[in-house]
Amino acid sequence: MTRRGIVVCLCLALCTFGRLDAQWSVSGTLAGLFARRSNSLDNPRSGTWAGGGVEGEWRTFSLVVRGYSGELHRSGDSVNGTVRLTDVALRVRPRDWWWVGIEGEALRTSDSGVIALWRLAGPVAGTSAELGINGLAGHAEVAYFPIAGVVNDDRIAHAFRVEVGMEWARPDRLTFGLAFRRQTFTFAGGRPAESLGGLVLSARVRVLPLH
């Protein structure tokens, strides 16, 4: 089946499902990440990444796919490294104010012609609360990745990510977000731990259902 056929089938399935159950939605997000990567030995690298995501919700379950891509540069370097970050999470929300799930993440870096790939997997949990202003809410999320696979780099023992932020939901399907995320990678050998994170600006729109 061609890509166009797959897209058409997904759209038909979503429209059919929407007639059967009203407790579902699909949202799309555009985001920018002002990233910084550092360790205790080298000067930090920084850059601006562009990204986006898609989230589908059904009752208490949600599937989230996000991605960023951009460059990291260090002061004095003539060559910039390129980075692509992708994560997929399956979550369940037992209550309106907290959720749990599992997440997989892939980080691909290209630096001086060497391509490295880190694959991570583990549990994720988060919470949210209204901040007293109409449409404004805060959230916090933590993820722990005990499962790691590495290609062309040192082996990772585990990784940990934390994100805190706030969102402002407008009545016209739009939601704007501001968050700070930081992820720490601990290696199995003697290599110093690394951190990757930064400020995230986002805009999300609910595209389905249309009513």
N, C-alpha and C. Protein backbone atom coordinates (compact mmCIF):
# COMPACT_ATOMS: atom_id res chain seq x y z
N MET A 1 0.85 -1.20 0.00
CA MET A 1 0.00 0.00 0.00
C MET A 1 0.88 1.25 0.00
N THR A 2 0.52 2.25 -0.83
CA THR A 2 1.29 3.47 -0.90
C THR A 2 1.07 4.33 0.33
N ARG A 3 1.95 5.34 0.51
CA ARG A 3 1.80 6.25 1.64
C ARG A 3 0.47 7.00 1.58
N ARG A 4 0.07 7.39 0.33
CA ARG A 4 -1.21 8.10 0.20
C ARG A 4 -2.36 7.19 0.62
N GLY A 5 -2.30 5.92 0.26
CA GLY A 5 -3.35 4.99 0.65
C GLY A 5 -3.42 4.81 2.16
N ILE A 6 -2.23 4.76 2.82
CA ILE A 6 -2.20 4.62 4.27
C ILE A 6 -2.84 5.83 4.94
N VAL A 7 -2.52 7.05 4.44
CA VAL A 7 -3.09 8.27 5.02
C VAL A 7 -4.59 8.29 4.84
N VAL A 8 -5.08 7.92 3.66
CA VAL A 8 -6.52 7.91 3.41
C VAL A 8 -7.23 6.92 4.34
N CYS A 9 -6.63 5.72 4.51
CA CYS A 9 -7.22 4.72 5.40
C CYS A 9 -7.28 5.20 6.85
N LEU A 10 -6.20 5.88 7.30
CA LEU A 10 -6.19 6.40 8.67
C LEU A 10 -7.26 7.47 8.86
N CYS A 11 -7.42 8.36 7.88
CA CYS A 11 -8.44 9.40 7.98
C CYS A 11 -9.84 8.80 8.02
N LEU A 12 -10.08 7.79 7.17
CA LEU A 12 -11.39 7.14 7.17
C LEU A 12 -11.64 6.43 8.49
N ALA A 13 -10.59 5.80 9.04
CA ALA A 13 -10.75 5.10 10.32
C ALA A 13 -11.06 6.07 11.45
N LEU A 14 -10.37 7.24 11.45
CA LEU A 14 -10.62 8.23 12.49
C LEU A 14 -12.03 8.79 12.41
N CYS A 15 -12.49 9.06 11.18
CA CYS A 15 -13.84 9.59 11.02
C CYS A 15 -14.89 8.57 11.44
N THR A 16 -14.68 7.30 11.07
CA THR A 16 -15.61 6.25 11.47
C THR A 16 -15.62 6.06 12.96
N PHE A 17 -14.42 6.06 13.57
CA PHE A 17 -14.32 5.89 15.02
C PHE A 17 -14.97 7.04 15.76
N GLY A 18 -14.88 8.25 15.19
CA GLY A 18 -15.48 9.40 15.83
C GLY A 18 -16.99 9.29 15.92
N ARG A 19 -17.62 8.59 14.97
CA ARG A 19 -19.06 8.39 15.03
C ARG A 19 -19.43 7.38 16.10
N LEU A 20 -18.48 6.47 16.42
CA LEU A 20 -18.78 5.42 17.38
C LEU A 20 -18.52 5.85 18.82
N ASP A 21 -17.57 6.73 19.01
CA ASP A 21 -17.19 7.11 20.37
C ASP A 21 -16.73 8.56 20.37
N ALA A 22 -17.40 9.38 21.15
CA ALA A 22 -17.08 10.81 21.16
C ALA A 22 -15.89 11.14 22.04
N GLN A 23 -15.41 10.18 22.84
CA GLN A 23 -14.33 10.46 23.79
C GLN A 23 -12.96 10.25 23.14
N TRP A 24 -12.70 10.93 22.07
CA TRP A 24 -11.42 10.80 21.39
C TRP A 24 -11.05 12.15 20.78
N SER A 25 -9.77 12.35 20.51
CA SER A 25 -9.31 13.58 19.87
C SER A 25 -7.93 13.35 19.26
N VAL A 26 -7.59 14.18 18.29
CA VAL A 26 -6.26 14.18 17.67
C VAL A 26 -5.75 15.61 17.65
N SER A 27 -4.52 15.80 18.11
CA SER A 27 -3.92 17.13 18.18
C SER A 27 -2.57 17.13 17.48
N GLY A 28 -2.21 18.27 16.92
CA GLY A 28 -0.90 18.46 16.31
C GLY A 28 -0.16 19.60 16.98
N THR A 29 1.15 19.48 17.10
CA THR A 29 1.97 20.45 17.83
C THR A 29 3.16 20.89 17.00
N LEU A 30 3.45 22.18 17.03
CA LEU A 30 4.70 22.73 16.52
C LEU A 30 5.49 23.28 17.71
N ALA A 31 6.81 23.02 17.71
CA ALA A 31 7.60 23.39 18.89
C ALA A 31 9.01 23.81 18.50
N GLY A 32 9.61 24.58 19.37
CA GLY A 32 11.01 24.94 19.25
C GLY A 32 11.73 24.63 20.55
N LEU A 33 12.92 24.06 20.45
CA LEU A 33 13.71 23.70 21.63
C LEU A 33 15.04 24.44 21.58
N PHE A 34 15.29 25.25 22.58
CA PHE A 34 16.57 25.95 22.71
C PHE A 34 17.47 25.04 23.55
N ALA A 35 18.25 24.20 22.84
CA ALA A 35 18.92 23.06 23.47
C ALA A 35 20.34 23.40 23.92
N ARG A 36 20.78 22.63 24.93
CA ARG A 36 22.14 22.73 25.45
C ARG A 36 22.59 21.35 25.88
N ARG A 37 23.76 20.93 25.42
CA ARG A 37 24.33 19.62 25.76
C ARG A 37 25.69 19.84 26.40
N SER A 38 25.92 19.18 27.54
CA SER A 38 27.16 19.45 28.27
C SER A 38 27.57 18.25 29.10
N ASN A 39 28.86 18.24 29.47
CA ASN A 39 29.39 17.32 30.47
C ASN A 39 30.45 18.06 31.27
N SER A 40 31.11 17.34 32.18
CA SER A 40 32.04 18.02 33.10
C SER A 40 33.39 18.31 32.48
N LEU A 41 33.68 17.77 31.28
CA LEU A 41 35.00 17.92 30.68
C LEU A 41 35.04 18.93 29.55
N ASP A 42 34.04 18.93 28.68
CA ASP A 42 34.06 19.77 27.49
C ASP A 42 33.20 21.02 27.68
N ASN A 43 33.49 22.01 26.85
CA ASN A 43 32.63 23.19 26.82
C ASN A 43 31.26 22.80 26.28
N PRO A 44 30.20 23.40 26.81
CA PRO A 44 28.86 23.00 26.36
C PRO A 44 28.59 23.38 24.91
N ARG A 45 27.69 22.64 24.31
CA ARG A 45 27.21 22.95 22.97
C ARG A 45 25.76 23.39 23.05
N SER A 46 25.37 24.28 22.16
CA SER A 46 24.00 24.78 22.18
C SER A 46 23.49 24.95 20.76
N GLY A 47 22.19 25.06 20.64
CA GLY A 47 21.57 25.24 19.34
C GLY A 47 20.07 25.35 19.47
N THR A 48 19.42 25.74 18.39
CA THR A 48 17.97 25.85 18.33
C THR A 48 17.43 24.76 17.42
N TRP A 49 16.51 23.97 17.95
CA TRP A 49 15.91 22.86 17.21
C TRP A 49 14.46 23.16 16.91
N ALA A 50 13.99 22.69 15.76
CA ALA A 50 12.58 22.78 15.39
C ALA A 50 11.97 21.39 15.48
N GLY A 51 10.70 21.35 15.85
CA GLY A 51 10.07 20.05 15.99
C GLY A 51 8.56 20.13 15.97
N GLY A 52 7.97 18.99 16.21
CA GLY A 52 6.52 18.90 16.24
C GLY A 52 6.09 17.55 16.75
N GLY A 53 4.79 17.34 16.80
CA GLY A 53 4.29 16.08 17.31
C GLY A 53 2.82 15.89 16.99
N VAL A 54 2.38 14.66 17.23
CA VAL A 54 0.97 14.29 17.06
C VAL A 54 0.55 13.51 18.29
N GLU A 55 -0.62 13.81 18.81
CA GLU A 55 -1.16 13.09 19.96
C GLU A 55 -2.58 12.65 19.68
N GLY A 56 -2.83 11.36 19.87
CA GLY A 56 -4.17 10.83 19.76
C GLY A 56 -4.65 10.34 21.12
N GLU A 57 -5.86 10.73 21.49
CA GLU A 57 -6.43 10.37 22.80
C GLU A 57 -7.75 9.60 22.60
N TRP A 58 -7.93 8.57 23.39
CA TRP A 58 -9.18 7.83 23.42
C TRP A 58 -9.48 7.46 24.87
N ARG A 59 -10.56 8.07 25.38
CA ARG A 59 -10.92 7.88 26.78
C ARG A 59 -9.74 8.21 27.68
N THR A 60 -9.20 7.26 28.42
CA THR A 60 -8.09 7.55 29.33
C THR A 60 -6.72 7.24 28.72
N PHE A 61 -6.68 6.79 27.46
CA PHE A 61 -5.42 6.39 26.81
C PHE A 61 -4.98 7.45 25.81
N SER A 62 -3.67 7.56 25.64
CA SER A 62 -3.13 8.48 24.64
C SER A 62 -1.84 7.92 24.05
N LEU A 63 -1.62 8.24 22.79
CA LEU A 63 -0.39 7.90 22.08
C LEU A 63 0.23 9.19 21.59
N VAL A 64 1.48 9.44 21.99
CA VAL A 64 2.16 10.70 21.67
C VAL A 64 3.43 10.39 20.87
N VAL A 65 3.59 11.08 19.74
CA VAL A 65 4.80 10.97 18.91
C VAL A 65 5.37 12.37 18.74
N ARG A 66 6.63 12.57 19.14
CA ARG A 66 7.26 13.88 19.07
C ARG A 66 8.64 13.76 18.42
N GLY A 67 9.11 14.87 17.85
CA GLY A 67 10.44 14.86 17.27
C GLY A 67 11.01 16.26 17.15
N TYR A 68 12.35 16.35 17.27
CA TYR A 68 13.08 17.59 17.08
C TYR A 68 14.30 17.32 16.22
N SER A 69 14.73 18.32 15.49
CA SER A 69 15.98 18.22 14.74
C SER A 69 16.63 19.60 14.69
N GLY A 70 17.96 19.59 14.66
CA GLY A 70 18.69 20.85 14.61
C GLY A 70 20.18 20.62 14.72
N GLU A 71 20.90 21.64 15.14
CA GLU A 71 22.36 21.59 15.25
C GLU A 71 22.80 21.97 16.65
N LEU A 72 23.98 21.49 17.00
CA LEU A 72 24.65 21.89 18.24
C LEU A 72 26.04 22.40 17.87
N HIS A 73 26.40 23.55 18.41
CA HIS A 73 27.71 24.12 18.09
C HIS A 73 28.38 24.57 19.37
N ARG A 74 29.69 24.48 19.36
CA ARG A 74 30.52 24.92 20.47
C ARG A 74 31.33 26.13 20.03
N SER A 75 31.48 27.10 20.91
CA SER A 75 32.24 28.30 20.59
C SER A 75 33.64 27.94 20.13
N GLY A 76 34.03 28.43 18.96
CA GLY A 76 35.35 28.17 18.42
C GLY A 76 35.40 27.02 17.43
N ASP A 77 34.35 26.18 17.37
CA ASP A 77 34.31 25.07 16.42
C ASP A 77 33.84 25.57 15.06
N SER A 78 34.46 25.05 14.01
CA SER A 78 34.05 25.42 12.66
C SER A 78 32.99 24.50 12.09
N VAL A 79 32.82 23.31 12.71
CA VAL A 79 31.85 22.34 12.22
C VAL A 79 30.78 22.12 13.29
N ASN A 80 29.52 22.20 12.90
CA ASN A 80 28.42 21.97 13.81
C ASN A 80 27.95 20.53 13.74
N GLY A 81 27.56 19.97 14.86
CA GLY A 81 26.99 18.64 14.88
C GLY A 81 25.49 18.70 14.70
N THR A 82 24.92 17.74 13.98
CA THR A 82 23.48 17.69 13.78
C THR A 82 22.87 16.64 14.70
N VAL A 83 21.64 16.91 15.13
CA VAL A 83 20.97 16.06 16.10
C VAL A 83 19.53 15.84 15.65
N ARG A 84 19.04 14.61 15.86
CA ARG A 84 17.62 14.32 15.65
C ARG A 84 17.12 13.53 16.85
N LEU A 85 16.10 14.04 17.52
CA LEU A 85 15.54 13.43 18.73
C LEU A 85 14.09 13.05 18.46
N THR A 86 13.74 11.78 18.72
CA THR A 86 12.38 11.28 18.50
C THR A 86 11.95 10.48 19.71
N ASP A 87 10.70 10.66 20.15
CA ASP A 87 10.19 9.82 21.23
C ASP A 87 8.73 9.47 20.98
N VAL A 88 8.35 8.29 21.43
CA VAL A 88 6.99 7.76 21.31
C VAL A 88 6.57 7.28 22.69
N ALA A 89 5.38 7.70 23.14
CA ALA A 89 4.91 7.34 24.48
C ALA A 89 3.46 6.86 24.41
N LEU A 90 3.18 5.80 25.14
CA LEU A 90 1.82 5.30 25.33
C LEU A 90 1.47 5.52 26.79
N ARG A 91 0.38 6.27 27.05
CA ARG A 91 0.05 6.69 28.40
C ARG A 91 -1.38 6.33 28.75
N VAL A 92 -1.63 6.21 30.03
CA VAL A 92 -2.98 6.05 30.55
C VAL A 92 -3.15 7.05 31.69
N ARG A 93 -4.34 7.67 31.75
CA ARG A 93 -4.62 8.70 32.75
C ARG A 93 -5.73 8.20 33.67
N PRO A 94 -5.35 7.56 34.81
CA PRO A 94 -6.38 7.06 35.74
C PRO A 94 -7.23 8.17 36.35
N ARG A 95 -6.61 9.34 36.55
CA ARG A 95 -7.31 10.52 37.06
C ARG A 95 -6.95 11.71 36.18
N ASP A 96 -7.75 12.77 36.28
CA ASP A 96 -7.49 13.94 35.45
C ASP A 96 -6.14 14.59 35.74
N TRP A 97 -5.62 14.40 36.94
CA TRP A 97 -4.43 15.15 37.36
C TRP A 97 -3.13 14.34 37.31
N TRP A 98 -3.15 13.07 36.88
CA TRP A 98 -1.89 12.33 36.77
C TRP A 98 -2.00 11.25 35.70
N TRP A 99 -0.84 10.83 35.19
CA TRP A 99 -0.78 9.81 34.15
C TRP A 99 0.50 8.98 34.29
N VAL A 100 0.48 7.78 33.74
CA VAL A 100 1.64 6.89 33.70
C VAL A 100 1.69 6.26 32.32
N GLY A 101 2.86 5.70 31.98
CA GLY A 101 2.97 5.05 30.68
C GLY A 101 4.36 4.51 30.44
N ILE A 102 4.61 4.15 29.20
CA ILE A 102 5.92 3.69 28.76
C ILE A 102 6.35 4.55 27.58
N GLU A 103 7.65 4.74 27.45
CA GLU A 103 8.17 5.63 26.42
C GLU A 103 9.43 5.05 25.80
N GLY A 104 9.57 5.26 24.49
CA GLY A 104 10.78 4.93 23.77
C GLY A 104 11.35 6.19 23.14
N GLU A 105 12.66 6.31 23.17
CA GLU A 105 13.32 7.52 22.67
C GLU A 105 14.53 7.13 21.83
N ALA A 106 14.77 7.89 20.77
CA ALA A 106 15.94 7.70 19.92
C ALA A 106 16.63 9.04 19.71
N LEU A 107 17.94 9.06 19.93
CA LEU A 107 18.74 10.26 19.74
C LEU A 107 19.84 9.94 18.74
N ARG A 108 19.80 10.60 17.59
CA ARG A 108 20.78 10.39 16.53
C ARG A 108 21.63 11.64 16.39
N THR A 109 22.95 11.48 16.49
CA THR A 109 23.87 12.60 16.37
C THR A 109 24.88 12.33 15.25
N SER A 110 25.25 13.38 14.56
CA SER A 110 26.27 13.30 13.53
C SER A 110 27.28 14.40 13.79
N ASP A 111 28.52 13.99 14.06
CA ASP A 111 29.57 14.94 14.43
C ASP A 111 30.87 14.54 13.74
N SER A 112 31.39 15.43 12.90
CA SER A 112 32.64 15.19 12.17
C SER A 112 32.58 13.89 11.36
N GLY A 113 31.43 13.61 10.77
CA GLY A 113 31.26 12.43 9.94
C GLY A 113 30.93 11.15 10.67
N VAL A 114 30.91 11.18 12.01
CA VAL A 114 30.60 10.00 12.81
C VAL A 114 29.14 10.07 13.25
N ILE A 115 28.37 9.04 12.93
CA ILE A 115 26.96 8.98 13.29
C ILE A 115 26.78 8.03 14.46
N ALA A 116 26.18 8.53 15.54
CA ALA A 116 25.90 7.73 16.73
C ALA A 116 24.40 7.69 16.97
N LEU A 117 23.93 6.57 17.48
CA LEU A 117 22.51 6.39 17.73
C LEU A 117 22.30 5.82 19.12
N TRP A 118 21.48 6.51 19.92
CA TRP A 118 21.11 6.04 21.26
C TRP A 118 19.62 5.71 21.24
N ARG A 119 19.28 4.51 21.69
CA ARG A 119 17.87 4.10 21.81
C ARG A 119 17.58 3.80 23.27
N LEU A 120 16.51 4.39 23.79
CA LEU A 120 16.17 4.26 25.20
C LEU A 120 14.71 3.86 25.36
N ALA A 121 14.40 3.18 26.47
CA ALA A 121 13.02 2.80 26.77
C ALA A 121 12.84 2.70 28.27
N GLY A 122 11.63 3.05 28.74
CA GLY A 122 11.35 2.96 30.17
C GLY A 122 10.03 3.60 30.54
N PRO A 123 9.72 3.63 31.83
CA PRO A 123 8.45 4.20 32.30
C PRO A 123 8.47 5.72 32.36
N VAL A 124 7.27 6.30 32.28
CA VAL A 124 7.10 7.74 32.37
C VAL A 124 5.88 8.02 33.24
N ALA A 125 5.91 9.10 34.00
CA ALA A 125 4.78 9.49 34.85
C ALA A 125 4.74 11.00 34.94
N GLY A 126 3.53 11.53 35.10
CA GLY A 126 3.39 12.97 35.18
C GLY A 126 2.16 13.40 35.93
N THR A 127 2.09 14.68 36.22
CA THR A 127 0.96 15.25 36.92
C THR A 127 0.70 16.66 36.41
N SER A 128 -0.53 17.13 36.59
CA SER A 128 -0.89 18.48 36.15
C SER A 128 -1.88 19.07 37.14
N ALA A 129 -1.96 20.40 37.15
CA ALA A 129 -2.87 21.10 38.06
C ALA A 129 -3.18 22.48 37.49
N GLU A 130 -4.41 22.94 37.72
CA GLU A 130 -4.79 24.28 37.33
C GLU A 130 -4.07 25.30 38.20
N LEU A 131 -3.76 26.47 37.61
CA LEU A 131 -2.98 27.48 38.31
C LEU A 131 -3.81 28.68 38.74
N GLY A 132 -5.13 28.55 38.76
CA GLY A 132 -5.96 29.61 39.27
C GLY A 132 -6.40 30.64 38.26
N ILE A 133 -5.89 30.58 37.04
CA ILE A 133 -6.30 31.48 35.95
C ILE A 133 -6.98 30.64 34.89
N ASN A 134 -8.04 31.14 34.34
CA ASN A 134 -8.83 30.39 33.38
C ASN A 134 -7.98 29.91 32.21
N GLY A 135 -7.90 28.59 32.03
CA GLY A 135 -7.15 28.01 30.92
C GLY A 135 -5.69 27.76 31.20
N LEU A 136 -5.15 28.21 32.32
CA LEU A 136 -3.73 28.07 32.63
C LEU A 136 -3.51 26.88 33.57
N ALA A 137 -2.59 26.02 33.21
CA ALA A 137 -2.30 24.83 34.02
C ALA A 137 -0.81 24.54 34.00
N GLY A 138 -0.31 23.97 35.09
CA GLY A 138 1.08 23.56 35.19
C GLY A 138 1.19 22.05 35.11
N HIS A 139 2.37 21.57 34.71
CA HIS A 139 2.58 20.13 34.63
C HIS A 139 4.02 19.79 34.96
N ALA A 140 4.22 18.55 35.37
CA ALA A 140 5.55 18.01 35.62
C ALA A 140 5.57 16.56 35.17
N GLU A 141 6.69 16.15 34.58
CA GLU A 141 6.79 14.78 34.06
C GLU A 141 8.20 14.26 34.28
N VAL A 142 8.29 12.99 34.66
CA VAL A 142 9.59 12.34 34.82
C VAL A 142 9.58 11.05 34.03
N ALA A 143 10.73 10.71 33.47
CA ALA A 143 10.90 9.46 32.73
C ALA A 143 12.23 8.83 33.12
N TYR A 144 12.22 7.53 33.28
CA TYR A 144 13.44 6.79 33.62
C TYR A 144 13.65 5.72 32.56
N PHE A 145 14.87 5.66 32.01
CA PHE A 145 15.17 4.75 30.91
C PHE A 145 16.25 3.75 31.34
N PRO A 146 15.85 2.60 31.88
CA PRO A 146 16.84 1.58 32.26
C PRO A 146 17.29 0.71 31.08
N ILE A 147 16.55 0.78 29.98
CA ILE A 147 16.88 -0.01 28.78
C ILE A 147 17.52 0.92 27.76
N ALA A 148 18.72 0.57 27.32
CA ALA A 148 19.44 1.44 26.38
C ALA A 148 20.23 0.61 25.39
N GLY A 149 20.18 1.02 24.13
CA GLY A 149 20.99 0.43 23.08
C GLY A 149 21.76 1.52 22.36
N VAL A 150 23.03 1.28 22.09
CA VAL A 150 23.91 2.31 21.53
C VAL A 150 24.64 1.78 20.30
N VAL A 151 24.73 2.62 19.29
CA VAL A 151 25.49 2.31 18.08
C VAL A 151 26.56 3.39 17.90
N ASN A 152 27.82 2.98 17.76
CA ASN A 152 28.96 3.87 17.52
C ASN A 152 29.20 4.86 18.66
N ASP A 153 29.00 4.41 19.89
CA ASP A 153 29.27 5.28 21.04
C ASP A 153 29.42 4.41 22.30
N ASP A 154 29.78 5.05 23.42
CA ASP A 154 29.92 4.33 24.68
C ASP A 154 28.56 3.83 25.18
N ARG A 155 28.58 2.72 25.88
CA ARG A 155 27.34 2.12 26.36
C ARG A 155 26.73 2.96 27.47
N ILE A 156 25.42 3.14 27.41
CA ILE A 156 24.68 3.91 28.41
C ILE A 156 24.12 2.96 29.47
N ALA A 157 24.36 3.28 30.74
CA ALA A 157 23.82 2.46 31.83
C ALA A 157 22.34 2.76 32.03
N HIS A 158 21.98 4.04 32.08
CA HIS A 158 20.59 4.45 32.21
C HIS A 158 20.50 5.94 31.95
N ALA A 159 19.28 6.43 31.79
CA ALA A 159 19.05 7.86 31.56
C ALA A 159 17.81 8.29 32.33
N PHE A 160 17.73 9.57 32.59
CA PHE A 160 16.64 10.13 33.39
C PHE A 160 16.26 11.48 32.79
N ARG A 161 14.95 11.73 32.67
CA ARG A 161 14.49 13.01 32.13
C ARG A 161 13.41 13.62 33.02
N VAL A 162 13.47 14.93 33.21
CA VAL A 162 12.45 15.65 33.96
C VAL A 162 12.02 16.86 33.14
N GLU A 163 10.73 17.15 33.19
CA GLU A 163 10.20 18.31 32.47
C GLU A 163 9.15 19.00 33.33
N VAL A 164 9.23 20.31 33.44
CA VAL A 164 8.23 21.11 34.15
C VAL A 164 7.84 22.27 33.25
N GLY A 165 6.57 22.65 33.33
CA GLY A 165 6.13 23.74 32.48
C GLY A 165 4.70 24.14 32.74
N MET A 166 4.17 24.97 31.86
CA MET A 166 2.79 25.41 31.96
C MET A 166 2.20 25.53 30.56
N GLU A 167 0.87 25.47 30.52
CA GLU A 167 0.14 25.59 29.26
C GLU A 167 -1.06 26.52 29.45
N TRP A 168 -1.37 27.24 28.39
CA TRP A 168 -2.54 28.10 28.38
C TRP A 168 -3.44 27.66 27.26
N ALA A 169 -4.61 27.12 27.61
CA ALA A 169 -5.56 26.60 26.63
C ALA A 169 -6.59 27.66 26.30
N ARG A 170 -6.67 28.04 25.03
CA ARG A 170 -7.68 28.97 24.57
C ARG A 170 -8.97 28.22 24.23
N PRO A 171 -10.09 28.91 24.18
CA PRO A 171 -11.34 28.23 23.84
C PRO A 171 -11.47 27.86 22.37
N ASP A 172 -10.52 28.27 21.52
CA ASP A 172 -10.62 28.03 20.08
C ASP A 172 -9.67 26.93 19.58
N ARG A 173 -9.51 25.85 20.36
CA ARG A 173 -8.70 24.68 19.99
C ARG A 173 -7.20 24.87 20.16
N LEU A 174 -6.73 26.09 20.40
CA LEU A 174 -5.30 26.35 20.50
C LEU A 174 -4.82 26.28 21.95
N THR A 175 -3.61 25.72 22.12
CA THR A 175 -2.96 25.68 23.42
C THR A 175 -1.50 26.07 23.25
N PHE A 176 -1.03 27.01 24.05
CA PHE A 176 0.36 27.46 24.01
C PHE A 176 1.09 26.95 25.25
N GLY A 177 2.33 26.52 25.05
CA GLY A 177 3.08 25.94 26.15
C GLY A 177 4.48 26.51 26.30
N LEU A 178 4.95 26.48 27.54
CA LEU A 178 6.31 26.87 27.89
C LEU A 178 6.82 25.87 28.91
N ALA A 179 7.96 25.26 28.64
CA ALA A 179 8.46 24.20 29.54
C ALA A 179 9.98 24.19 29.53
N PHE A 180 10.52 23.58 30.58
CA PHE A 180 11.96 23.33 30.66
C PHE A 180 12.16 21.83 30.84
N ARG A 181 13.00 21.24 30.02
CA ARG A 181 13.30 19.81 30.11
C ARG A 181 14.80 19.60 30.25
N ARG A 182 15.16 18.57 31.01
CA ARG A 182 16.56 18.23 31.20
C ARG A 182 16.68 16.72 31.29
N GLN A 183 17.61 16.20 30.52
CA GLN A 183 17.83 14.75 30.49
C GLN A 183 19.29 14.46 30.80
N THR A 184 19.51 13.48 31.66
CA THR A 184 20.86 13.09 32.07
C THR A 184 21.15 11.67 31.62
N PHE A 185 22.31 11.47 31.00
CA PHE A 185 22.74 10.17 30.52
C PHE A 185 23.94 9.71 31.34
N THR A 186 23.83 8.54 31.95
CA THR A 186 24.92 7.95 32.73
C THR A 186 25.49 6.78 31.96
N PHE A 187 26.81 6.76 31.80
CA PHE A 187 27.47 5.75 30.97
C PHE A 187 28.03 4.62 31.84
N ALA A 188 28.18 3.45 31.21
CA ALA A 188 28.61 2.27 31.94
C ALA A 188 30.10 2.31 32.27
N GLY A 189 30.91 2.95 31.42
CA GLY A 189 32.34 3.04 31.65
C GLY A 189 32.72 4.26 32.46
N GLY A 190 33.92 4.78 32.23
CA GLY A 190 34.39 5.93 32.99
C GLY A 190 34.04 7.27 32.37
N ARG A 191 33.26 7.27 31.31
CA ARG A 191 32.90 8.52 30.66
C ARG A 191 32.00 9.35 31.56
N PRO A 192 32.25 10.66 31.67
CA PRO A 192 31.41 11.50 32.53
C PRO A 192 29.97 11.56 32.02
N ALA A 193 29.05 11.72 32.94
CA ALA A 193 27.64 11.84 32.57
C ALA A 193 27.42 13.09 31.72
N GLU A 194 26.42 13.01 30.84
CA GLU A 194 26.07 14.14 29.99
C GLU A 194 24.64 14.57 30.25
N SER A 195 24.39 15.83 30.02
CA SER A 195 23.04 16.36 30.15
C SER A 195 22.62 17.02 28.84
N LEU A 196 21.34 16.93 28.56
CA LEU A 196 20.77 17.52 27.36
C LEU A 196 19.41 18.11 27.73
N GLY A 197 19.21 19.35 27.43
CA GLY A 197 17.93 19.96 27.79
C GLY A 197 17.83 21.38 27.29
N GLY A 198 16.79 22.06 27.75
CA GLY A 198 16.61 23.43 27.35
C GLY A 198 15.16 23.87 27.47
N LEU A 199 14.90 25.04 26.92
CA LEU A 199 13.58 25.66 26.98
C LEU A 199 12.77 25.26 25.76
N VAL A 200 11.51 24.88 25.98
CA VAL A 200 10.62 24.44 24.91
C VAL A 200 9.44 25.40 24.80
N LEU A 201 9.24 25.92 23.60
CA LEU A 201 8.06 26.73 23.29
C LEU A 201 7.20 25.94 22.31
N SER A 202 5.89 25.88 22.56
CA SER A 202 5.04 25.03 21.72
C SER A 202 3.68 25.67 21.49
N ALA A 203 3.05 25.24 20.39
CA ALA A 203 1.67 25.61 20.08
C ALA A 203 0.97 24.36 19.58
N ARG A 204 -0.12 24.00 20.24
CA ARG A 204 -0.87 22.78 19.89
C ARG A 204 -2.27 23.13 19.45
N VAL A 205 -2.76 22.45 18.43
CA VAL A 205 -4.11 22.66 17.94
C VAL A 205 -4.84 21.33 17.87
N ARG A 206 -6.06 21.30 18.34
CA ARG A 206 -6.87 20.09 18.23
C ARG A 206 -7.51 20.07 16.85
N VAL A 207 -7.16 19.08 16.05
CA VAL A 207 -7.63 19.03 14.67
C VAL A 207 -8.85 18.13 14.51
N LEU A 208 -9.03 17.14 15.36
CA LEU A 208 -10.18 16.24 15.31
C LEU A 208 -10.63 15.94 16.74
N PRO A 209 -11.91 15.78 17.00
CA PRO A 209 -13.03 15.93 16.06
C PRO A 209 -13.27 17.39 15.71
N LEU A 210 -14.03 17.63 14.66
CA LEU A 210 -14.24 18.98 14.17
C LEU A 210 -15.29 19.74 14.95
N HIS A 211 -16.15 19.05 15.68
CA HIS A 211 -17.20 19.75 16.43
C HIS A 211 -16.69 20.23 17.78
